[in-house]
Amino acid sequence: ANRGENITVIFVNNNVYGMTGGQMAPTTLPGQKTTTSPGGRNPSNDGHPIQVAELLASLKGTAFAARVSLHNHLHVRKARKAMQKAFLAKIEKRGFSIIELLSACPTNWGMSPQQSLTRMADEMIPAFPLDTFKDF
């Protein structure tokens, strides 16, 4: 990202490392319980969640950085448009691009799929605001 490589990253943010058992991730929310933080993430010990899209948008080599959500059909459409824009940056050789997709992980969150979509709207989006942080 810092060198402006023509790479598009699709970063799925579901607050956990879900494929390996639900461990705490850099984006785990404060108080959120995981297999490696059974008492919940404690920012004084574990640090705060990383705002990936904003962090990468701050680099000069980044051409496009956005965060979108997949919690309902309207936001899925917005995500598609943002992904098209990110791939356009790559095709036009404008530099690095990233789309951070807020996504549910009902299995590791211990909830139903519908509950996980509600959690995304109520907890994830306030912690990780949706926006385009850098646009060529």
N, C-alpha and C. Protein backbone atom coordinates (compact mmCIF):
# COMPACT_ATOMS: atom_id res chain seq x y z
N ALA A 1 0.83 -1.20 0.00
CA ALA A 1 0.00 0.00 0.00
C ALA A 1 0.87 1.26 0.00
N ASN A 2 1.90 1.26 0.79
CA ASN A 2 2.75 2.44 0.90
C ASN A 2 3.49 2.73 -0.40
N ARG A 3 3.82 1.68 -1.16
CA ARG A 3 4.52 1.87 -2.44
C ARG A 3 3.56 2.16 -3.59
N GLY A 4 2.26 2.04 -3.35
CA GLY A 4 1.30 2.28 -4.41
C GLY A 4 1.21 1.17 -5.43
N GLU A 5 1.48 -0.07 -4.98
CA GLU A 5 1.38 -1.22 -5.88
C GLU A 5 -0.05 -1.32 -6.43
N ASN A 6 -0.16 -1.74 -7.67
CA ASN A 6 -1.48 -1.91 -8.28
C ASN A 6 -2.08 -3.23 -7.82
N ILE A 7 -2.53 -3.22 -6.59
CA ILE A 7 -3.14 -4.38 -5.95
C ILE A 7 -4.47 -3.93 -5.35
N THR A 8 -5.48 -4.75 -5.49
CA THR A 8 -6.76 -4.50 -4.82
C THR A 8 -6.93 -5.55 -3.74
N VAL A 9 -7.13 -5.10 -2.51
CA VAL A 9 -7.33 -5.99 -1.37
C VAL A 9 -8.80 -5.94 -0.98
N ILE A 10 -9.38 -7.13 -0.84
CA ILE A 10 -10.72 -7.26 -0.30
C ILE A 10 -10.54 -7.80 1.12
N PHE A 11 -10.75 -6.94 2.10
CA PHE A 11 -10.53 -7.28 3.50
C PHE A 11 -11.88 -7.55 4.17
N VAL A 12 -12.13 -8.79 4.55
CA VAL A 12 -13.38 -9.15 5.20
C VAL A 12 -13.20 -8.99 6.71
N ASN A 13 -13.90 -8.02 7.26
CA ASN A 13 -13.83 -7.72 8.69
C ASN A 13 -15.05 -8.31 9.37
N ASN A 14 -14.86 -9.43 10.07
CA ASN A 14 -15.95 -10.02 10.86
C ASN A 14 -15.57 -10.08 12.35
N ASN A 15 -14.60 -9.28 12.73
CA ASN A 15 -14.17 -9.12 14.12
C ASN A 15 -13.42 -10.31 14.71
N VAL A 16 -13.27 -11.40 13.97
CA VAL A 16 -12.58 -12.58 14.51
C VAL A 16 -11.78 -13.26 13.40
N TYR A 17 -10.86 -14.11 13.82
CA TYR A 17 -10.22 -15.03 12.88
C TYR A 17 -11.11 -16.27 12.84
N GLY A 18 -12.16 -16.21 12.04
CA GLY A 18 -13.19 -17.23 12.04
C GLY A 18 -12.77 -18.57 11.47
N MET A 19 -11.91 -18.57 10.46
CA MET A 19 -11.55 -19.83 9.81
C MET A 19 -10.66 -20.70 10.68
N THR A 20 -10.09 -20.13 11.71
CA THR A 20 -9.18 -20.91 12.56
C THR A 20 -9.70 -21.06 13.99
N GLY A 21 -10.99 -20.81 14.20
CA GLY A 21 -11.55 -21.09 15.51
C GLY A 21 -12.11 -19.92 16.27
N GLY A 22 -12.10 -18.74 15.70
CA GLY A 22 -12.72 -17.59 16.37
C GLY A 22 -11.83 -16.85 17.34
N GLN A 23 -10.53 -16.76 17.03
CA GLN A 23 -9.62 -16.03 17.91
C GLN A 23 -9.79 -14.52 17.76
N MET A 24 -9.27 -13.79 18.74
CA MET A 24 -9.29 -12.34 18.67
C MET A 24 -8.49 -11.88 17.46
N ALA A 25 -9.02 -10.89 16.77
CA ALA A 25 -8.39 -10.33 15.58
C ALA A 25 -8.06 -8.86 15.84
N PRO A 26 -7.32 -8.23 14.96
CA PRO A 26 -7.04 -6.79 15.14
C PRO A 26 -8.30 -5.93 15.14
N THR A 27 -9.42 -6.47 14.63
CA THR A 27 -10.66 -5.70 14.57
C THR A 27 -11.70 -6.17 15.58
N THR A 28 -11.34 -7.05 16.51
CA THR A 28 -12.27 -7.48 17.55
C THR A 28 -12.67 -6.27 18.39
N LEU A 29 -13.95 -6.16 18.67
CA LEU A 29 -14.47 -5.01 19.42
C LEU A 29 -14.17 -5.13 20.91
N PRO A 30 -14.02 -4.00 21.61
CA PRO A 30 -13.82 -4.05 23.06
C PRO A 30 -14.97 -4.80 23.74
N GLY A 31 -14.62 -5.70 24.64
CA GLY A 31 -15.60 -6.50 25.35
C GLY A 31 -16.03 -7.76 24.62
N GLN A 32 -15.72 -7.84 23.32
CA GLN A 32 -16.13 -9.02 22.55
C GLN A 32 -15.33 -10.24 22.98
N LYS A 33 -16.05 -11.33 23.26
CA LYS A 33 -15.41 -12.57 23.68
C LYS A 33 -15.04 -13.41 22.47
N THR A 34 -13.84 -13.98 22.53
CA THR A 34 -13.36 -14.88 21.49
C THR A 34 -12.69 -16.06 22.17
N THR A 35 -12.24 -17.03 21.39
CA THR A 35 -11.58 -18.19 22.00
C THR A 35 -10.28 -17.80 22.69
N THR A 36 -9.63 -16.75 22.24
CA THR A 36 -8.37 -16.32 22.87
C THR A 36 -8.55 -15.13 23.80
N SER A 37 -9.77 -14.61 23.88
CA SER A 37 -10.08 -13.54 24.85
C SER A 37 -11.44 -13.86 25.49
N PRO A 38 -11.48 -14.94 26.30
CA PRO A 38 -12.76 -15.37 26.87
C PRO A 38 -13.39 -14.34 27.81
N GLY A 39 -12.61 -13.42 28.33
CA GLY A 39 -13.16 -12.36 29.17
C GLY A 39 -13.55 -11.13 28.37
N GLY A 40 -13.34 -11.17 27.08
CA GLY A 40 -13.63 -10.03 26.21
C GLY A 40 -12.38 -9.21 25.95
N ARG A 41 -12.33 -8.58 24.80
CA ARG A 41 -11.16 -7.74 24.46
C ARG A 41 -11.09 -6.57 25.44
N ASN A 42 -9.92 -6.41 26.03
CA ASN A 42 -9.65 -5.33 26.97
C ASN A 42 -8.66 -4.38 26.32
N PRO A 43 -9.10 -3.19 25.89
CA PRO A 43 -8.20 -2.28 25.19
C PRO A 43 -6.93 -1.92 25.96
N SER A 44 -6.98 -1.91 27.29
CA SER A 44 -5.77 -1.57 28.04
C SER A 44 -4.72 -2.68 27.94
N ASN A 45 -5.16 -3.91 27.73
CA ASN A 45 -4.21 -5.01 27.57
C ASN A 45 -3.99 -5.38 26.10
N ASP A 46 -5.07 -5.33 25.31
CA ASP A 46 -5.05 -5.86 23.95
C ASP A 46 -4.99 -4.79 22.87
N GLY A 47 -5.07 -3.52 23.27
CA GLY A 47 -5.13 -2.45 22.29
C GLY A 47 -6.55 -2.28 21.75
N HIS A 48 -6.73 -1.24 21.00
CA HIS A 48 -8.03 -0.94 20.41
C HIS A 48 -8.14 -1.58 19.04
N PRO A 49 -9.35 -1.77 18.55
CA PRO A 49 -9.52 -2.29 17.19
C PRO A 49 -8.87 -1.35 16.17
N ILE A 50 -8.28 -1.92 15.16
CA ILE A 50 -7.60 -1.14 14.12
C ILE A 50 -8.61 -0.74 13.05
N GLN A 51 -8.60 0.52 12.70
CA GLN A 51 -9.43 1.06 11.63
C GLN A 51 -8.66 0.89 10.33
N VAL A 52 -8.78 -0.26 9.72
CA VAL A 52 -7.95 -0.65 8.58
C VAL A 52 -8.12 0.30 7.39
N ALA A 53 -9.34 0.58 6.98
CA ALA A 53 -9.55 1.42 5.79
C ALA A 53 -8.97 2.82 6.00
N GLU A 54 -9.22 3.41 7.17
CA GLU A 54 -8.69 4.74 7.44
C GLU A 54 -7.17 4.73 7.49
N LEU A 55 -6.60 3.70 8.11
CA LEU A 55 -5.15 3.60 8.22
C LEU A 55 -4.50 3.54 6.83
N LEU A 56 -5.03 2.70 5.97
CA LEU A 56 -4.45 2.57 4.64
C LEU A 56 -4.75 3.78 3.77
N ALA A 57 -5.86 4.46 4.00
CA ALA A 57 -6.17 5.68 3.25
C ALA A 57 -5.15 6.78 3.54
N SER A 58 -4.52 6.73 4.70
CA SER A 58 -3.56 7.77 5.07
C SER A 58 -2.23 7.65 4.31
N LEU A 59 -2.02 6.54 3.62
CA LEU A 59 -0.77 6.34 2.89
C LEU A 59 -0.85 6.96 1.50
N LYS A 60 0.24 7.57 1.06
CA LYS A 60 0.26 8.25 -0.23
C LYS A 60 0.09 7.30 -1.41
N GLY A 61 0.48 6.04 -1.26
CA GLY A 61 0.36 5.08 -2.35
C GLY A 61 -1.03 4.50 -2.53
N THR A 62 -1.92 4.80 -1.59
CA THR A 62 -3.29 4.28 -1.69
C THR A 62 -4.11 5.20 -2.58
N ALA A 63 -4.76 4.61 -3.59
CA ALA A 63 -5.61 5.37 -4.50
C ALA A 63 -7.06 5.35 -4.07
N PHE A 64 -7.49 4.24 -3.48
CA PHE A 64 -8.90 4.09 -3.11
C PHE A 64 -8.99 3.26 -1.83
N ALA A 65 -9.78 3.74 -0.88
CA ALA A 65 -10.02 3.01 0.37
C ALA A 65 -11.44 3.28 0.83
N ALA A 66 -12.19 2.21 1.05
CA ALA A 66 -13.57 2.35 1.49
C ALA A 66 -13.94 1.22 2.43
N ARG A 67 -14.95 1.49 3.26
CA ARG A 67 -15.53 0.45 4.13
C ARG A 67 -17.02 0.39 3.81
N VAL A 68 -17.46 -0.82 3.55
CA VAL A 68 -18.86 -1.08 3.23
C VAL A 68 -19.35 -2.23 4.09
N SER A 69 -20.66 -2.45 4.07
CA SER A 69 -21.24 -3.49 4.89
C SER A 69 -22.06 -4.44 4.04
N LEU A 70 -22.19 -5.66 4.54
CA LEU A 70 -22.99 -6.68 3.85
C LEU A 70 -24.20 -7.09 4.68
N HIS A 71 -24.71 -6.18 5.52
CA HIS A 71 -25.78 -6.57 6.44
C HIS A 71 -27.19 -6.47 5.86
N ASN A 72 -27.35 -5.89 4.69
CA ASN A 72 -28.66 -5.91 4.02
C ASN A 72 -28.46 -5.68 2.52
N HIS A 73 -29.51 -5.88 1.75
CA HIS A 73 -29.37 -5.83 0.30
C HIS A 73 -28.97 -4.45 -0.22
N LEU A 74 -29.40 -3.38 0.42
CA LEU A 74 -29.00 -2.05 -0.02
C LEU A 74 -27.50 -1.84 0.13
N HIS A 75 -26.96 -2.31 1.24
CA HIS A 75 -25.53 -2.16 1.47
C HIS A 75 -24.71 -3.11 0.59
N VAL A 76 -25.27 -4.26 0.25
CA VAL A 76 -24.58 -5.16 -0.69
C VAL A 76 -24.43 -4.46 -2.04
N ARG A 77 -25.44 -3.73 -2.48
CA ARG A 77 -25.33 -2.98 -3.75
C ARG A 77 -24.25 -1.91 -3.66
N LYS A 78 -24.19 -1.20 -2.53
CA LYS A 78 -23.15 -0.20 -2.35
C LYS A 78 -21.76 -0.85 -2.33
N ALA A 79 -21.69 -2.03 -1.73
CA ALA A 79 -20.41 -2.75 -1.70
C ALA A 79 -19.97 -3.11 -3.11
N ARG A 80 -20.90 -3.53 -3.92
CA ARG A 80 -20.56 -3.88 -5.31
C ARG A 80 -19.99 -2.67 -6.05
N LYS A 81 -20.60 -1.51 -5.88
CA LYS A 81 -20.11 -0.29 -6.54
C LYS A 81 -18.71 0.07 -6.04
N ALA A 82 -18.50 -0.06 -4.76
CA ALA A 82 -17.18 0.24 -4.20
C ALA A 82 -16.13 -0.73 -4.72
N MET A 83 -16.50 -2.00 -4.86
CA MET A 83 -15.55 -2.98 -5.39
C MET A 83 -15.23 -2.67 -6.85
N GLN A 84 -16.20 -2.25 -7.61
CA GLN A 84 -15.94 -1.86 -9.00
C GLN A 84 -14.95 -0.71 -9.05
N LYS A 85 -15.13 0.26 -8.17
CA LYS A 85 -14.23 1.42 -8.12
C LYS A 85 -12.81 0.98 -7.73
N ALA A 86 -12.71 0.07 -6.77
CA ALA A 86 -11.39 -0.41 -6.35
C ALA A 86 -10.68 -1.14 -7.48
N PHE A 87 -11.40 -1.97 -8.21
CA PHE A 87 -10.79 -2.69 -9.33
C PHE A 87 -10.46 -1.74 -10.48
N LEU A 88 -11.24 -0.67 -10.65
CA LEU A 88 -10.93 0.34 -11.66
C LEU A 88 -9.59 1.01 -11.33
N ALA A 89 -9.35 1.28 -10.05
CA ALA A 89 -8.06 1.86 -9.65
C ALA A 89 -6.91 0.94 -10.07
N LYS A 90 -7.10 -0.36 -9.91
CA LYS A 90 -6.07 -1.32 -10.32
C LYS A 90 -5.91 -1.33 -11.83
N ILE A 91 -7.02 -1.42 -12.54
CA ILE A 91 -6.97 -1.48 -14.01
C ILE A 91 -6.30 -0.24 -14.58
N GLU A 92 -6.59 0.91 -14.01
CA GLU A 92 -6.01 2.17 -14.49
C GLU A 92 -4.63 2.45 -13.90
N LYS A 93 -4.10 1.49 -13.14
CA LYS A 93 -2.77 1.61 -12.55
C LYS A 93 -2.61 2.88 -11.70
N ARG A 94 -3.61 3.13 -10.88
CA ARG A 94 -3.58 4.31 -10.02
C ARG A 94 -2.91 4.05 -8.68
N GLY A 95 -2.71 2.78 -8.34
CA GLY A 95 -2.09 2.44 -7.07
C GLY A 95 -2.91 1.44 -6.30
N PHE A 96 -2.59 1.33 -5.04
CA PHE A 96 -3.21 0.38 -4.13
C PHE A 96 -4.67 0.75 -3.87
N SER A 97 -5.52 -0.26 -3.75
CA SER A 97 -6.91 -0.02 -3.36
C SER A 97 -7.35 -1.10 -2.38
N ILE A 98 -8.25 -0.70 -1.49
CA ILE A 98 -8.77 -1.64 -0.48
C ILE A 98 -10.25 -1.39 -0.27
N ILE A 99 -10.96 -2.49 -0.15
CA ILE A 99 -12.35 -2.47 0.28
C ILE A 99 -12.41 -3.28 1.57
N GLU A 100 -12.85 -2.64 2.62
CA GLU A 100 -13.08 -3.35 3.89
C GLU A 100 -14.56 -3.69 3.94
N LEU A 101 -14.85 -4.99 3.93
CA LEU A 101 -16.23 -5.47 3.95
C LEU A 101 -16.60 -5.89 5.37
N LEU A 102 -17.53 -5.19 5.98
CA LEU A 102 -18.03 -5.64 7.28
C LEU A 102 -18.95 -6.83 7.02
N SER A 103 -18.65 -7.92 7.68
CA SER A 103 -19.35 -9.17 7.43
C SER A 103 -19.67 -9.86 8.74
N ALA A 104 -20.70 -10.67 8.72
CA ALA A 104 -21.11 -11.42 9.91
C ALA A 104 -20.32 -12.71 10.05
N CYS A 105 -20.27 -13.21 11.28
CA CYS A 105 -19.69 -14.52 11.56
C CYS A 105 -20.57 -15.18 12.63
N PRO A 106 -21.79 -15.57 12.25
CA PRO A 106 -22.73 -16.07 13.25
C PRO A 106 -22.22 -17.26 14.04
N THR A 107 -21.46 -18.15 13.42
CA THR A 107 -20.97 -19.33 14.12
C THR A 107 -20.05 -18.94 15.27
N ASN A 108 -19.04 -18.14 15.00
CA ASN A 108 -18.10 -17.76 16.05
C ASN A 108 -18.65 -16.69 16.98
N TRP A 109 -19.67 -15.99 16.56
CA TRP A 109 -20.32 -15.03 17.45
C TRP A 109 -21.36 -15.72 18.33
N GLY A 110 -21.70 -16.97 18.02
CA GLY A 110 -22.68 -17.72 18.81
C GLY A 110 -24.09 -17.19 18.68
N MET A 111 -24.48 -16.81 17.46
CA MET A 111 -25.83 -16.29 17.25
C MET A 111 -26.41 -16.79 15.94
N SER A 112 -27.69 -16.55 15.79
CA SER A 112 -28.36 -16.91 14.53
C SER A 112 -27.92 -15.94 13.44
N PRO A 113 -28.08 -16.33 12.18
CA PRO A 113 -27.74 -15.40 11.09
C PRO A 113 -28.47 -14.06 11.21
N GLN A 114 -29.75 -14.09 11.56
CA GLN A 114 -30.50 -12.83 11.69
C GLN A 114 -29.95 -11.98 12.84
N GLN A 115 -29.64 -12.62 13.97
CA GLN A 115 -29.06 -11.88 15.10
C GLN A 115 -27.73 -11.26 14.70
N SER A 116 -26.95 -11.97 13.90
CA SER A 116 -25.64 -11.45 13.50
C SER A 116 -25.78 -10.22 12.59
N LEU A 117 -26.80 -10.19 11.75
CA LEU A 117 -27.03 -9.01 10.91
C LEU A 117 -27.43 -7.81 11.75
N THR A 118 -28.23 -8.06 12.78
CA THR A 118 -28.61 -6.99 13.71
C THR A 118 -27.38 -6.49 14.46
N ARG A 119 -26.51 -7.40 14.88
CA ARG A 119 -25.28 -7.01 15.58
C ARG A 119 -24.40 -6.14 14.68
N MET A 120 -24.34 -6.50 13.41
CA MET A 120 -23.54 -5.69 12.49
C MET A 120 -24.04 -4.25 12.48
N ALA A 121 -25.35 -4.08 12.34
CA ALA A 121 -25.92 -2.73 12.28
C ALA A 121 -25.77 -1.99 13.60
N ASP A 122 -25.96 -2.69 14.71
CA ASP A 122 -25.98 -2.05 16.03
C ASP A 122 -24.59 -1.83 16.63
N GLU A 123 -23.64 -2.73 16.34
CA GLU A 123 -22.33 -2.67 17.00
C GLU A 123 -21.16 -2.42 16.05
N MET A 124 -21.16 -3.13 14.92
CA MET A 124 -20.01 -3.01 14.03
C MET A 124 -19.96 -1.67 13.30
N ILE A 125 -21.10 -1.26 12.73
CA ILE A 125 -21.09 -0.02 11.95
C ILE A 125 -20.77 1.20 12.82
N PRO A 126 -21.29 1.31 14.05
CA PRO A 126 -20.84 2.44 14.88
C PRO A 126 -19.34 2.41 15.18
N ALA A 127 -18.76 1.22 15.33
CA ALA A 127 -17.33 1.10 15.62
C ALA A 127 -16.48 1.28 14.37
N PHE A 128 -17.02 0.87 13.22
CA PHE A 128 -16.32 0.95 11.94
C PHE A 128 -17.23 1.68 10.96
N PRO A 129 -17.26 3.02 11.00
CA PRO A 129 -18.19 3.77 10.16
C PRO A 129 -17.99 3.49 8.66
N LEU A 130 -19.10 3.43 7.96
CA LEU A 130 -19.07 3.19 6.53
C LEU A 130 -18.76 4.48 5.80
N ASP A 131 -17.83 4.40 4.85
CA ASP A 131 -17.46 5.60 4.11
C ASP A 131 -16.44 5.26 3.04
N THR A 132 -16.23 6.19 2.13
CA THR A 132 -15.09 6.13 1.21
C THR A 132 -14.08 7.10 1.80
N PHE A 133 -12.94 6.58 2.19
CA PHE A 133 -11.94 7.40 2.89
C PHE A 133 -10.92 8.01 1.95
N LYS A 134 -10.78 7.42 0.77
CA LYS A 134 -9.90 7.99 -0.24
C LYS A 134 -10.40 7.55 -1.59
N ASP A 135 -10.51 8.49 -2.50
CA ASP A 135 -11.03 8.19 -3.83
C ASP A 135 -10.20 8.95 -4.85
N PHE A 136 -9.63 8.21 -5.76
CA PHE A 136 -8.82 8.86 -6.80
C PHE A 136 -9.73 9.75 -7.60
